[in-house]
């Protein structure tokens, strides 16, 4: 699980970048909570990976009223929007290393 350029373009075409910005503090708190949750289940020597956090975040997004309202207004019924937006949130909070 990671954000691809294709997925980023798809999200931007539906203005998910603006939706993220409108609720940025909320998404940051959700990631903090998801990170804490993941840490409670992994071995002490392991660090939470972005994909681990994204999986927990997806469950939160599925029942989040703002996300539900946004996807309903945009008529986005496909289930991939949950995982794509979770990856987008993680990408914003934990930016990937530059590849050159």
C-alpha atoms as a PDB file:
ATOM      1  CA  UNK A   1       0.000   0.000   0.000  1.00  0.00           C
ATOM      2  CA  UNK A   2       1.415   3.256  -1.103  1.00  0.00           C
ATOM      3  CA  UNK A   3       0.280   6.180  -3.131  1.00  0.00           C
ATOM      4  CA  UNK A   4       1.037   5.964  -6.837  1.00  0.00           C
ATOM      5  CA  UNK A   5       1.061   8.897  -9.220  1.00  0.00           C
ATOM      6  CA  UNK A   6      -1.981   7.446 -10.994  1.00  0.00           C
ATOM      7  CA  UNK A   7      -3.909   7.256  -7.715  1.00  0.00           C
ATOM      8  CA  UNK A   8      -2.819  10.765  -6.768  1.00  0.00           C
ATOM      9  CA  UNK A   9      -4.190  12.090 -10.071  1.00  0.00           C
ATOM     10  CA  UNK A  10      -7.475  10.222  -9.551  1.00  0.00           C
ATOM     11  CA  UNK A  11      -7.840  11.667  -6.037  1.00  0.00           C
ATOM     12  CA  UNK A  12      -7.045  15.187  -7.208  1.00  0.00           C
ATOM     13  CA  UNK A  13      -9.574  14.886 -10.037  1.00  0.00           C
ATOM     14  CA  UNK A  14     -12.250  14.390  -7.367  1.00  0.00           C
ATOM     15  CA  UNK A  15     -10.830  17.185  -5.167  1.00  0.00           C
ATOM     16  CA  UNK A  16      -9.756  14.889  -2.349  1.00  0.00           C
ATOM     17  CA  UNK A  17      -6.731  17.149  -1.862  1.00  0.00           C
ATOM     18  CA  UNK A  18      -9.078  20.017  -0.968  1.00  0.00           C
ATOM     19  CA  UNK A  19     -11.187  17.711   1.211  1.00  0.00           C
ATOM     20  CA  UNK A  20      -8.009  16.673   3.035  1.00  0.00           C
ATOM     21  CA  UNK A  21      -7.047  20.308   3.633  1.00  0.00           C
ATOM     22  CA  UNK A  22     -10.522  21.173   4.961  1.00  0.00           C
ATOM     23  CA  UNK A  23     -10.198  18.499   7.654  1.00  0.00           C
ATOM     24  CA  UNK A  24      -6.411  18.353   8.002  1.00  0.00           C
ATOM     25  CA  UNK A  25      -6.353  18.492  11.816  1.00  0.00           C
ATOM     26  CA  UNK A  26      -8.881  15.665  11.997  1.00  0.00           C
ATOM     27  CA  UNK A  27      -6.855  13.428   9.658  1.00  0.00           C
ATOM     28  CA  UNK A  28      -3.672  14.134  11.623  1.00  0.00           C
ATOM     29  CA  UNK A  29      -5.419  13.074  14.838  1.00  0.00           C
ATOM     30  CA  UNK A  30      -6.778   9.947  13.128  1.00  0.00           C
ATOM     31  CA  UNK A  31      -3.257   8.972  12.055  1.00  0.00           C
ATOM     32  CA  UNK A  32      -1.937   9.588  15.566  1.00  0.00           C
ATOM     33  CA  UNK A  33      -4.675   7.339  16.985  1.00  0.00           C
ATOM     34  CA  UNK A  34      -4.076   4.663  14.345  1.00  0.00           C
ATOM     35  CA  UNK A  35      -0.336   4.748  15.046  1.00  0.00           C
ATOM     36  CA  UNK A  36      -0.925   4.301  18.767  1.00  0.00           C
ATOM     37  CA  UNK A  37      -3.268   1.397  18.046  1.00  0.00           C
ATOM     38  CA  UNK A  38      -0.770  -0.318  15.744  1.00  0.00           C
ATOM     39  CA  UNK A  39       2.029   0.122  18.290  1.00  0.00           C
ATOM     40  CA  UNK A  40      -0.094  -1.664  20.893  1.00  0.00           C
ATOM     41  CA  UNK A  41      -0.076  -4.863  18.816  1.00  0.00           C
ATOM     42  CA  UNK A  42       3.404  -5.110  17.328  1.00  0.00           C
ATOM     43  CA  UNK A  43       6.611  -6.338  18.908  1.00  0.00           C
ATOM     44  CA  UNK A  44       8.630  -3.706  20.768  1.00  0.00           C
ATOM     45  CA  UNK A  45      11.533  -4.012  18.327  1.00  0.00           C
ATOM     46  CA  UNK A  46       9.278  -3.277  15.335  1.00  0.00           C
ATOM     47  CA  UNK A  47       8.184   0.148  14.156  1.00  0.00           C
ATOM     48  CA  UNK A  48       4.779   0.801  12.637  1.00  0.00           C
ATOM     49  CA  UNK A  49       4.968   0.968   8.862  1.00  0.00           C
ATOM     50  CA  UNK A  50       2.834   3.403   6.855  1.00  0.00           C
ATOM     51  CA  UNK A  51       0.865   0.487   5.378  1.00  0.00           C
ATOM     52  CA  UNK A  52       0.062  -0.818   8.885  1.00  0.00           C
ATOM     53  CA  UNK A  53      -1.289   2.575   9.876  1.00  0.00           C
ATOM     54  CA  UNK A  54      -3.219   2.938   6.600  1.00  0.00           C
ATOM     55  CA  UNK A  55      -5.083  -0.318   7.226  1.00  0.00           C
ATOM     56  CA  UNK A  56      -6.324   0.927  10.590  1.00  0.00           C
ATOM     57  CA  UNK A  57      -7.122   4.325   9.099  1.00  0.00           C
ATOM     58  CA  UNK A  58      -9.257   2.684   6.402  1.00  0.00           C
ATOM     59  CA  UNK A  59     -11.558   1.246   9.047  1.00  0.00           C
ATOM     60  CA  UNK A  60     -12.013   4.696  10.558  1.00  0.00           C
ATOM     61  CA  UNK A  61     -12.718   6.274   7.163  1.00  0.00           C
ATOM     62  CA  UNK A  62     -15.405   3.710   6.373  1.00  0.00           C
ATOM     63  CA  UNK A  63     -17.591   5.100   9.156  1.00  0.00           C
ATOM     64  CA  UNK A  64     -16.393   8.703   9.269  1.00  0.00           C
ATOM     65  CA  UNK A  65     -19.376  11.056   8.742  1.00  0.00           C
ATOM     66  CA  UNK A  66     -17.352  13.633   6.788  1.00  0.00           C
ATOM     67  CA  UNK A  67     -15.929  10.985   4.456  1.00  0.00           C
ATOM     68  CA  UNK A  68     -19.344   9.358   4.001  1.00  0.00           C
ATOM     69  CA  UNK A  69     -20.923  12.721   3.200  1.00  0.00           C
ATOM     70  CA  UNK A  70     -18.152  13.691   0.778  1.00  0.00           C
ATOM     71  CA  UNK A  71     -18.256  10.448  -1.199  1.00  0.00           C
ATOM     72  CA  UNK A  72     -22.063  10.529  -1.282  1.00  0.00           C
ATOM     73  CA  UNK A  73     -22.093  14.114  -2.585  1.00  0.00           C
ATOM     74  CA  UNK A  74     -19.523  13.214  -5.251  1.00  0.00           C
ATOM     75  CA  UNK A  75     -21.377   9.954  -6.020  1.00  0.00           C
ATOM     76  CA  UNK A  76     -18.222   7.930  -5.384  1.00  0.00           C
ATOM     77  CA  UNK A  77     -19.532   4.463  -4.569  1.00  0.00           C
ATOM     78  CA  UNK A  78     -16.411   2.439  -5.357  1.00  0.00           C
ATOM     79  CA  UNK A  79     -14.713   0.929  -2.341  1.00  0.00           C
ATOM     80  CA  UNK A  80     -11.222   1.821  -3.526  1.00  0.00           C
ATOM     81  CA  UNK A  81     -11.748   5.453  -2.501  1.00  0.00           C
ATOM     82  CA  UNK A  82     -11.310   4.416   1.145  1.00  0.00           C
ATOM     83  CA  UNK A  83      -7.908   2.811   0.643  1.00  0.00           C
ATOM     84  CA  UNK A  84      -6.785   5.465  -1.833  1.00  0.00           C
ATOM     85  CA  UNK A  85      -7.672   8.323   0.511  1.00  0.00           C
ATOM     86  CA  UNK A  86      -6.071   6.522   3.473  1.00  0.00           C
ATOM     87  CA  UNK A  87      -2.868   6.228   1.452  1.00  0.00           C
ATOM     88  CA  UNK A  88      -3.150   9.922   0.536  1.00  0.00           C
ATOM     89  CA  UNK A  89      -3.504  10.911   4.195  1.00  0.00           C
ATOM     90  CA  UNK A  90      -0.496   8.803   5.179  1.00  0.00           C
ATOM     91  CA  UNK A  91       1.487  10.291   2.300  1.00  0.00           C
ATOM     92  CA  UNK A  92       0.716  13.808   3.513  1.00  0.00           C
ATOM     93  CA  UNK A  93       1.684  13.100   7.113  1.00  0.00           C
ATOM     94  CA  UNK A  94       4.612  10.770   6.421  1.00  0.00           C
ATOM     95  CA  UNK A  95       5.990  11.969   3.066  1.00  0.00           C
ATOM     96  CA  UNK A  96       7.947   9.343   1.134  1.00  0.00           C
ATOM     97  CA  UNK A  97      11.674   9.647   0.591  1.00  0.00           C
ATOM     98  CA  UNK A  98      12.737  11.293  -2.637  1.00  0.00           C
ATOM     99  CA  UNK A  99      13.702   8.884  -5.369  1.00  0.00           C
ATOM    100  CA  UNK A 100      16.275  10.257  -7.774  1.00  0.00           C
END
